[in-house]
PDB file of N, CA and C in Angstrom:
ATOM      1  N   MET A   1      53.655 110.611 116.553  1.00  0.00           N
ATOM      2  CA  MET A   1      52.941 111.879 116.720  1.00  0.00           C
ATOM      3  C   MET A   1      52.623 112.625 115.667  1.00  0.00           C
ATOM      4  N   ASP A   2      51.578 113.138 115.212  1.00  0.00           N
ATOM      5  CA  ASP A   2      51.339 114.137 114.074  1.00  0.00           C
ATOM      6  C   ASP A   2      51.551 115.478 114.667  1.00  0.00           C
ATOM      7  N   GLU A   3      52.254 116.231 113.652  1.00  0.00           N
ATOM      8  CA  GLU A   3      52.390 117.672 113.882  1.00  0.00           C
ATOM      9  C   GLU A   3      51.457 118.609 113.033  1.00  0.00           C
ATOM     10  N   VAL A   4      51.367 119.932 113.808  1.00  0.00           N
ATOM     11  CA  VAL A   4      50.575 120.408 112.873  1.00  0.00           C
ATOM     12  C   VAL A   4      51.400 121.904 112.754  1.00  0.00           C
ATOM     13  N   VAL A   5      51.044 122.677 111.794  1.00  0.00           N
ATOM     14  CA  VAL A   5      51.527 123.973 111.218  1.00  0.00           C
ATOM     15  C   VAL A   5      50.442 124.960 111.262  1.00  0.00           C
ATOM     16  N   ARG A   6      50.867 126.134 111.906  1.00  0.00           N
ATOM     17  CA  ARG A   6      49.946 127.108 111.988  1.00  0.00           C
ATOM     18  C   ARG A   6      50.611 128.469 111.577  1.00  0.00           C
ATOM     19  N   ARG A   7      50.028 129.481 111.184  1.00  0.00           N
ATOM     20  CA  ARG A   7      50.478 130.875 111.115  1.00  0.00           C
ATOM     21  C   ARG A   7      49.245 131.780 111.953  1.00  0.00           C
ATOM     22  N   PHE A   8      50.012 132.581 112.614  1.00  0.00           N
ATOM     23  CA  PHE A   8      49.230 133.640 113.936  1.00  0.00           C
ATOM     24  C   PHE A   8      49.817 134.875 113.117  1.00  0.00           C
ATOM     25  N   LEU A   9      48.710 135.976 113.095  1.00  0.00           N
ATOM     26  CA  LEU A   9      48.854 137.081 113.218  1.00  0.00           C
ATOM     27  C   LEU A   9      48.565 137.671 114.261  1.00  0.00           C
ATOM     28  N   VAL A  10      49.448 138.366 114.962  1.00  0.00           N
ATOM     29  CA  VAL A  10      49.134 139.099 116.198  1.00  0.00           C
ATOM     30  C   VAL A  10      49.044 140.827 116.435  1.00  0.00           C
ATOM     31  N   LEU A  11      47.764 141.158 116.682  1.00  0.00           N
ATOM     32  CA  LEU A  11      47.898 142.697 116.333  1.00  0.00           C
ATOM     33  C   LEU A  11      47.617 143.233 117.560  1.00  0.00           C
ATOM     34  N   GLY A  12      48.166 144.344 117.651  1.00  0.00           N
ATOM     35  CA  GLY A  12      47.899 145.210 119.093  1.00  0.00           C
ATOM     36  C   GLY A  12      49.178 145.917 119.272  1.00  0.00           C
ATOM     37  N   THR A  13      49.708 146.046 120.557  1.00  0.00           N
ATOM     38  CA  THR A  13      51.068 146.804 120.772  1.00  0.00           C
ATOM     39  C   THR A  13      51.831 145.551 121.002  1.00  0.00           C
ATOM     40  N   VAL A  14      52.475 145.066 120.138  1.00  0.00           N
ATOM     41  CA  VAL A  14      53.147 143.854 119.910  1.00  0.00           C
ATOM     42  C   VAL A  14      54.406 144.119 119.392  1.00  0.00           C
ATOM     43  N   GLN A  15      55.072 145.256 119.001  1.00  0.00           N
ATOM     44  CA  GLN A  15      56.276 145.462 118.630  1.00  0.00           C
ATOM     45  C   GLN A  15      57.152 146.324 119.695  1.00  0.00           C
ATOM     46  N   GLY A  16      58.227 146.179 119.617  1.00  0.00           N
ATOM     47  CA  GLY A  16      59.084 146.954 120.673  1.00  0.00           C
ATOM     48  C   GLY A  16      58.773 146.447 122.305  1.00  0.00           C
ATOM     49  N   VAL A  17      58.037 145.589 122.440  1.00  0.00           N
ATOM     50  CA  VAL A  17      57.707 145.008 123.989  1.00  0.00           C
ATOM     51  C   VAL A  17      58.266 143.592 124.303  1.00  0.00           C
ATOM     52  N   PHE A  18      59.292 143.201 123.300  1.00  0.00           N
ATOM     53  CA  PHE A  18      59.872 141.704 123.722  1.00  0.00           C
ATOM     54  C   PHE A  18      58.927 140.540 123.239  1.00  0.00           C
ATOM     55  N   PHE A  19      58.050 140.927 122.297  1.00  0.00           N
ATOM     56  CA  PHE A  19      56.905 140.018 121.987  1.00  0.00           C
ATOM     57  C   PHE A  19      57.597 138.805 121.414  1.00  0.00           C
ATOM     58  N   ARG A  20      58.434 139.306 120.405  1.00  0.00           N
ATOM     59  CA  ARG A  20      59.065 137.892 119.547  1.00  0.00           C
ATOM     60  C   ARG A  20      59.952 137.161 120.385  1.00  0.00           C
ATOM     61  N   HIS A  21      60.682 137.880 121.249  1.00  0.00           N
ATOM     62  CA  HIS A  21      61.936 137.238 122.107  1.00  0.00           C
ATOM     63  C   HIS A  21      60.865 136.408 123.017  1.00  0.00           C
ATOM     64  N   SER A  22      60.035 136.663 123.530  1.00  0.00           N
ATOM     65  CA  SER A  22      59.035 136.110 124.666  1.00  0.00           C
ATOM     66  C   SER A  22      58.406 134.930 123.805  1.00  0.00           C
ATOM     67  N   THR A  23      58.007 135.042 122.810  1.00  0.00           N
ATOM     68  CA  THR A  23      57.360 133.892 121.719  1.00  0.00           C
ATOM     69  C   THR A  23      58.149 132.854 121.778  1.00  0.00           C
ATOM     70  N   ARG A  24      59.486 133.079 121.428  1.00  0.00           N
ATOM     71  CA  ARG A  24      60.477 132.324 121.137  1.00  0.00           C
ATOM     72  C   ARG A  24      60.674 131.444 122.568  1.00  0.00           C
ATOM     73  N   LEU A  25      60.746 132.019 123.653  1.00  0.00           N
ATOM     74  CA  LEU A  25      61.181 131.304 125.106  1.00  0.00           C
ATOM     75  C   LEU A  25      60.015 130.429 125.248  1.00  0.00           C
ATOM     76  N   GLU A  26      58.667 130.933 124.583  1.00  0.00           N
ATOM     77  CA  GLU A  26      57.296 129.880 125.087  1.00  0.00           C
ATOM     78  C   GLU A  26      57.427 128.663 124.197  1.00  0.00           C
ATOM     79  N   ALA A  27      57.890 128.914 122.856  1.00  0.00           N
ATOM     80  CA  ALA A  27      57.991 128.068 121.810  1.00  0.00           C
ATOM     81  C   ALA A  27      58.712 126.990 122.148  1.00  0.00           C
ATOM     82  N   LYS A  28      60.062 127.436 122.551  1.00  0.00           N
ATOM     83  CA  LYS A  28      61.073 126.598 123.055  1.00  0.00           C
ATOM     84  C   LYS A  28      60.458 125.504 124.218  1.00  0.00           C
ATOM     85  N   ARG A  29      59.879 126.220 125.008  1.00  0.00           N
ATOM     86  CA  ARG A  29      59.391 125.572 126.339  1.00  0.00           C
ATOM     87  C   ARG A  29      58.456 124.413 125.973  1.00  0.00           C
ATOM     88  N   LEU A  30      57.548 124.690 124.807  1.00  0.00           N
ATOM     89  CA  LEU A  30      56.783 123.822 124.466  1.00  0.00           C
ATOM     90  C   LEU A  30      57.392 122.778 123.153  1.00  0.00           C
ATOM     91  N   LEU A  31      58.417 123.103 122.872  1.00  0.00           N
ATOM     92  CA  LEU A  31      59.178 122.217 121.869  1.00  0.00           C
ATOM     93  C   LEU A  31      58.583 122.389 120.469  1.00  0.00           C
ATOM     94  N   ILE A  32      58.462 123.817 119.908  1.00  0.00           N
ATOM     95  CA  ILE A  32      57.596 124.331 118.937  1.00  0.00           C
ATOM     96  C   ILE A  32      58.995 124.634 118.075  1.00  0.00           C
ATOM     97  N   ARG A  33      58.895 124.368 116.881  1.00  0.00           N
ATOM     98  CA  ARG A  33      59.738 125.221 115.993  1.00  0.00           C
ATOM     99  C   ARG A  33      58.885 125.890 115.215  1.00  0.00           C
ATOM    100  N   GLY A  34      59.900 127.244 114.587  1.00  0.00           N
ATOM    101  CA  GLY A  34      59.001 128.046 113.808  1.00  0.00           C
ATOM    102  C   GLY A  34      59.737 129.564 113.921  1.00  0.00           C
ATOM    103  N   ILE A  35      59.010 130.654 113.571  1.00  0.00           N
ATOM    104  CA  ILE A  35      59.373 131.922 113.293  1.00  0.00           C
ATOM    105  C   ILE A  35      58.581 132.960 113.880  1.00  0.00           C
ATOM    106  N   ALA A  36      59.233 133.934 114.519  1.00  0.00           N
ATOM    107  CA  ALA A  36      58.426 135.080 115.002  1.00  0.00           C
ATOM    108  C   ALA A  36      59.126 136.186 114.161  1.00  0.00           C
ATOM    109  N   ARG A  37      58.098 136.971 113.391  1.00  0.00           N
ATOM    110  CA  ARG A  37      58.878 138.455 112.789  1.00  0.00           C
ATOM    111  C   ARG A  37      57.810 139.268 112.862  1.00  0.00           C
ATOM    112  N   ASN A  38      58.563 140.658 112.865  1.00  0.00           N
ATOM    113  CA  ASN A  38      57.643 141.895 113.035  1.00  0.00           C
ATOM    114  C   ASN A  38      57.193 142.162 111.456  1.00  0.00           C
ATOM    115  N   LEU A  39      56.007 142.448 111.054  1.00  0.00           N
ATOM    116  CA  LEU A  39      55.679 142.840 110.043  1.00  0.00           C
ATOM    117  C   LEU A  39      55.466 144.449 109.730  1.00  0.00           C
ATOM    118  N   PRO A  40      55.422 144.987 108.590  1.00  0.00           N
ATOM    119  CA  PRO A  40      55.457 146.424 108.274  1.00  0.00           C
ATOM    120  C   PRO A  40      54.394 147.386 108.949  1.00  0.00           C
ATOM    121  N   ASP A  41      53.095 146.348 108.913  1.00  0.00           N
ATOM    122  CA  ASP A  41      51.951 147.266 109.572  1.00  0.00           C
ATOM    123  C   ASP A  41      51.776 147.017 111.190  1.00  0.00           C
ATOM    124  N   GLY A  42      52.754 146.554 111.794  1.00  0.00           N
ATOM    125  CA  GLY A  42      53.077 146.826 113.280  1.00  0.00           C
ATOM    126  C   GLY A  42      52.666 145.397 113.800  1.00  0.00           C
ATOM    127  N   SER A  43      52.198 144.557 113.230  1.00  0.00           N
ATOM    128  CA  SER A  43      51.889 143.045 113.866  1.00  0.00           C
ATOM    129  C   SER A  43      52.986 142.091 113.916  1.00  0.00           C
ATOM    130  N   VAL A  44      52.885 141.087 114.533  1.00  0.00           N
ATOM    131  CA  VAL A  44      53.896 140.225 114.449  1.00  0.00           C
ATOM    132  C   VAL A  44      53.249 138.875 113.850  1.00  0.00           C
ATOM    133  N   GLU A  45      54.020 138.196 113.221  1.00  0.00           N
ATOM    134  CA  GLU A  45      53.620 136.809 112.450  1.00  0.00           C
ATOM    135  C   GLU A  45      54.573 135.766 113.264  1.00  0.00           C
ATOM    136  N   VAL A  46      53.702 134.648 113.570  1.00  0.00           N
ATOM    137  CA  VAL A  46      54.215 133.531 114.094  1.00  0.00           C
ATOM    138  C   VAL A  46      53.981 132.477 113.408  1.00  0.00           C
ATOM    139  N   LEU A  47      54.791 131.759 112.859  1.00  0.00           N
ATOM    140  CA  LEU A  47      54.945 130.546 112.024  1.00  0.00           C
ATOM    141  C   LEU A  47      54.973 129.269 113.098  1.00  0.00           C
ATOM    142  N   ALA A  48      54.191 128.247 113.627  1.00  0.00           N
ATOM    143  CA  ALA A  48      54.819 127.415 114.648  1.00  0.00           C
ATOM    144  C   ALA A  48      54.421 125.797 114.153  1.00  0.00           C
ATOM    145  N   GLN A  49      55.314 125.072 114.344  1.00  0.00           N
ATOM    146  CA  GLN A  49      55.046 123.447 114.054  1.00  0.00           C
ATOM    147  C   GLN A  49      55.339 122.804 114.996  1.00  0.00           C
ATOM    148  N   GLY A  50      54.225 122.035 115.564  1.00  0.00           N
ATOM    149  CA  GLY A  50      54.526 121.101 116.822  1.00  0.00           C
ATOM    150  C   GLY A  50      53.544 120.485 116.700  1.00  0.00           C
ATOM    151  N   THR A  51      53.116 119.640 118.283  1.00  0.00           N
ATOM    152  CA  THR A  51      52.156 118.984 118.376  1.00  0.00           C
ATOM    153  C   THR A  51      50.904 119.781 118.464  1.00  0.00           C
ATOM    154  N   ALA A  52      49.775 119.166 117.960  1.00  0.00           N
ATOM    155  CA  ALA A  52      48.592 120.003 118.275  1.00  0.00           C
ATOM    156  C   ALA A  52      48.368 120.531 119.457  1.00  0.00           C
ATOM    157  N   SER A  53      48.503 119.812 120.770  1.00  0.00           N
ATOM    158  CA  SER A  53      48.432 120.334 122.039  1.00  0.00           C
ATOM    159  C   SER A  53      49.510 121.482 122.091  1.00  0.00           C
ATOM    160  N   ALA A  54      50.642 121.274 121.962  1.00  0.00           N
ATOM    161  CA  ALA A  54      51.812 122.475 121.888  1.00  0.00           C
ATOM    162  C   ALA A  54      51.199 123.711 121.424  1.00  0.00           C
ATOM    163  N   VAL A  55      50.965 123.622 120.044  1.00  0.00           N
ATOM    164  CA  VAL A  55      50.606 124.516 119.124  1.00  0.00           C
ATOM    165  C   VAL A  55      49.388 125.617 119.819  1.00  0.00           C
ATOM    166  N   GLU A  56      48.357 124.533 120.322  1.00  0.00           N
ATOM    167  CA  GLU A  56      47.257 125.154 121.103  1.00  0.00           C
ATOM    168  C   GLU A  56      47.517 125.884 122.566  1.00  0.00           C
ATOM    169  N   GLU A  57      48.761 125.179 123.309  1.00  0.00           N
ATOM    170  CA  GLU A  57      49.159 126.332 124.248  1.00  0.00           C
ATOM    171  C   GLU A  57      49.633 127.426 123.733  1.00  0.00           C
ATOM    172  N   LEU A  58      50.412 127.551 122.640  1.00  0.00           N
ATOM    173  CA  LEU A  58      50.941 128.543 122.310  1.00  0.00           C
ATOM    174  C   LEU A  58      50.044 129.655 121.672  1.00  0.00           C
ATOM    175  N   ARG A  59      48.837 129.297 121.444  1.00  0.00           N
ATOM    176  CA  ARG A  59      47.938 129.854 120.706  1.00  0.00           C
ATOM    177  C   ARG A  59      47.273 130.592 121.735  1.00  0.00           C
ATOM    178  N   VAL A  60      46.877 130.315 122.828  1.00  0.00           N
ATOM    179  CA  VAL A  60      46.421 130.879 123.861  1.00  0.00           C
ATOM    180  C   VAL A  60      47.414 131.764 124.584  1.00  0.00           C
ATOM    181  N   TRP A  61      48.740 131.461 124.590  1.00  0.00           N
ATOM    182  CA  TRP A  61      49.790 132.391 125.325  1.00  0.00           C
ATOM    183  C   TRP A  61      49.716 133.694 123.973  1.00  0.00           C
ATOM    184  N   LEU A  62      49.787 133.353 122.980  1.00  0.00           N
ATOM    185  CA  LEU A  62      49.971 134.401 122.126  1.00  0.00           C
ATOM    186  C   LEU A  62      48.415 135.708 122.416  1.00  0.00           C
ATOM    187  N   HIS A  63      47.442 135.084 122.643  1.00  0.00           N
ATOM    188  CA  HIS A  63      46.404 135.963 123.087  1.00  0.00           C
ATOM    189  C   HIS A  63      46.916 136.922 124.533  1.00  0.00           C
ATOM    190  N   ARG A  64      47.749 136.556 125.093  1.00  0.00           N
ATOM    191  CA  ARG A  64      48.025 137.635 126.066  1.00  0.00           C
ATOM    192  C   ARG A  64      49.332 138.254 126.084  1.00  0.00           C
ATOM    193  N   GLY A  65      50.475 137.235 125.572  1.00  0.00           N
ATOM    194  CA  GLY A  65      51.701 137.795 125.350  1.00  0.00           C
ATOM    195  C   GLY A  65      52.616 138.033 126.306  1.00  0.00           C
ATOM    196  N   PRO A  66      53.737 138.761 126.280  1.00  0.00           N
ATOM    197  CA  PRO A  66      54.378 139.170 127.614  1.00  0.00           C
ATOM    198  C   PRO A  66      53.715 140.346 128.402  1.00  0.00           C
ATOM    199  N   ALA A  67      54.038 140.732 129.303  1.00  0.00           N
ATOM    200  CA  ALA A  67      53.592 141.570 130.276  1.00  0.00           C
ATOM    201  C   ALA A  67      53.488 143.173 129.482  1.00  0.00           C
ATOM    202  N   GLN A  68      54.360 143.271 128.731  1.00  0.00           N
ATOM    203  CA  GLN A  68      54.504 144.737 128.496  1.00  0.00           C
ATOM    204  C   GLN A  68      53.544 144.952 126.948  1.00  0.00           C
ATOM    205  N   ALA A  69      53.152 143.479 126.429  1.00  0.00           N
ATOM    206  CA  ALA A  69      52.248 143.918 125.469  1.00  0.00           C
ATOM    207  C   ALA A  69      50.774 143.912 125.623  1.00  0.00           C
ATOM    208  N   ARG A  70      50.185 144.469 124.563  1.00  0.00           N
ATOM    209  CA  ARG A  70      48.625 144.748 124.377  1.00  0.00           C
ATOM    210  C   ARG A  70      48.032 143.991 123.375  1.00  0.00           C
ATOM    211  N   VAL A  71      47.675 142.890 123.366  1.00  0.00           N
ATOM    212  CA  VAL A  71      47.187 142.136 122.221  1.00  0.00           C
ATOM    213  C   VAL A  71      45.659 142.269 121.902  1.00  0.00           C
ATOM    214  N   ASP A  72      45.382 142.882 120.767  1.00  0.00           N
ATOM    215  CA  ASP A  72      43.964 143.111 120.291  1.00  0.00           C
ATOM    216  C   ASP A  72      43.314 142.052 119.722  1.00  0.00           C
ATOM    217  N   THR A  73      44.001 141.494 118.798  1.00  0.00           N
ATOM    218  CA  THR A  73      43.719 140.303 117.671  1.00  0.00           C
ATOM    219  C   THR A  73      44.575 139.313 117.441  1.00  0.00           C
ATOM    220  N   VAL A  74      44.188 137.891 117.538  1.00  0.00           N
ATOM    221  CA  VAL A  74      45.124 137.106 117.016  1.00  0.00           C
ATOM    222  C   VAL A  74      44.400 136.355 115.733  1.00  0.00           C
ATOM    223  N   ARG A  75      44.786 136.320 114.928  1.00  0.00           N
ATOM    224  CA  ARG A  75      44.046 135.417 113.512  1.00  0.00           C
ATOM    225  C   ARG A  75      45.272 134.526 113.310  1.00  0.00           C
ATOM    226  N   GLU A  76      44.542 133.557 112.825  1.00  0.00           N
ATOM    227  CA  GLU A  76      44.998 132.074 112.778  1.00  0.00           C
ATOM    228  C   GLU A  76      44.827 131.423 111.315  1.00  0.00           C
ATOM    229  N   LEU A  77      45.870 130.808 110.720  1.00  0.00           N
ATOM    230  CA  LEU A  77      45.523 130.095 109.408  1.00  0.00           C
ATOM    231  C   LEU A  77      46.001 128.759 109.643  1.00  0.00           C
ATOM    232  N   ASP A  78      45.606 127.592 109.316  1.00  0.00           N
ATOM    233  CA  ASP A  78      46.308 126.277 109.233  1.00  0.00           C
ATOM    234  C   ASP A  78      46.971 126.048 107.799  1.00  0.00           C
ATOM    235  N   LEU A  79      48.250 125.770 108.153  1.00  0.00           N
ATOM    236  CA  LEU A  79      49.080 125.619 106.750  1.00  0.00           C
ATOM    237  C   LEU A  79      48.938 124.609 106.227  1.00  0.00           C
ATOM    238  N   GLY A  80      48.595 123.051 106.959  1.00  0.00           N
ATOM    239  CA  GLY A  80      49.093 122.109 106.745  1.00  0.00           C
ATOM    240  C   GLY A  80      50.395 121.563 106.552  1.00  0.00           C
ATOM    241  N   GLY A  81      50.864 120.641 105.799  1.00  0.00           N
ATOM    242  CA  GLY A  81      52.337 120.436 106.291  1.00  0.00           C
ATOM    243  C   GLY A  81      53.226 121.048 105.286  1.00  0.00           C
ATOM    244  N   ILE A  82      53.738 122.096 105.650  1.00  0.00           N
ATOM    245  CA  ILE A  82      54.660 122.708 104.650  1.00  0.00           C
ATOM    246  C   ILE A  82      56.263 122.390 105.339  1.00  0.00           C
ATOM    247  N   ASP A  83      57.218 122.831 104.266  1.00  0.00           N
ATOM    248  CA  ASP A  83      58.692 122.501 104.564  1.00  0.00           C
ATOM    249  C   ASP A  83      59.471 123.461 104.940  1.00  0.00           C
ATOM    250  N   ALA A  84      58.751 124.791 104.956  1.00  0.00           N
ATOM    251  CA  ALA A  84      59.511 125.923 105.209  1.00  0.00           C
ATOM    252  C   ALA A  84      59.773 126.325 106.549  1.00  0.00           C
ATOM    253  N   VAL A  85      59.635 125.430 107.720  1.00  0.00           N
ATOM    254  CA  VAL A  85      59.767 125.732 109.046  1.00  0.00           C
ATOM    255  C   VAL A  85      61.104 125.485 109.431  1.00  0.00           C
ATOM    256  N   PRO A  86      61.890 126.308 110.171  1.00  0.00           N
ATOM    257  CA  PRO A  86      63.230 126.254 110.390  1.00  0.00           C
ATOM    258  C   PRO A  86      63.302 124.800 111.553  1.00  0.00           C
ATOM    259  N   GLU A  87      64.555 124.343 111.920  1.00  0.00           N
ATOM    260  CA  GLU A  87      64.391 123.184 112.757  1.00  0.00           C
ATOM    261  C   GLU A  87      64.348 123.461 114.459  1.00  0.00           C
ATOM    262  N   SER A  88      64.578 124.979 114.664  1.00  0.00           N
ATOM    263  CA  SER A  88      64.428 125.350 115.832  1.00  0.00           C
ATOM    264  C   SER A  88      63.308 126.672 115.745  1.00  0.00           C
ATOM    265  N   PHE A  89      63.316 127.416 116.722  1.00  0.00           N
ATOM    266  CA  PHE A  89      62.268 128.721 116.698  1.00  0.00           C
ATOM    267  C   PHE A  89      63.213 129.639 116.733  1.00  0.00           C
ATOM    268  N   GLU A  90      63.040 130.490 115.479  1.00  0.00           N
ATOM    269  CA  GLU A  90      63.993 131.852 115.190  1.00  0.00           C
ATOM    270  C   GLU A  90      63.063 132.935 115.488  1.00  0.00           C
ATOM    271  N   VAL A  91      63.665 134.269 115.768  1.00  0.00           N
ATOM    272  CA  VAL A  91      63.390 135.600 115.659  1.00  0.00           C
ATOM    273  C   VAL A  91      63.811 136.136 114.548  1.00  0.00           C
ATOM    274  N   ARG A  92      63.235 136.897 113.779  1.00  0.00           N
ATOM    275  CA  ARG A  92      63.560 137.433 112.424  1.00  0.00           C
ATOM    276  C   ARG A  92      63.229 138.921 112.370  1.00  0.00           C
TER     277      ARG A  92
END
């Protein structure tokens, strides 16, 4: 089964609303490995690796996020096959 790696930048009210933790829970449910981290500009960066269908489900979820979040935009970049993805899903 081929895996894909995607980098998402989530903009809006996404820091201080459990966005990273909620993303980790959703990623674990979907068997996705990767990272969610706050960026200095107030956005959240998500690096996700998993099956194409699972990463697509996560992408859809990122557009709404947890109940406390207000997502304005999700930007996406296909990273191809990189080796820098952790073995689980981490919050940094």
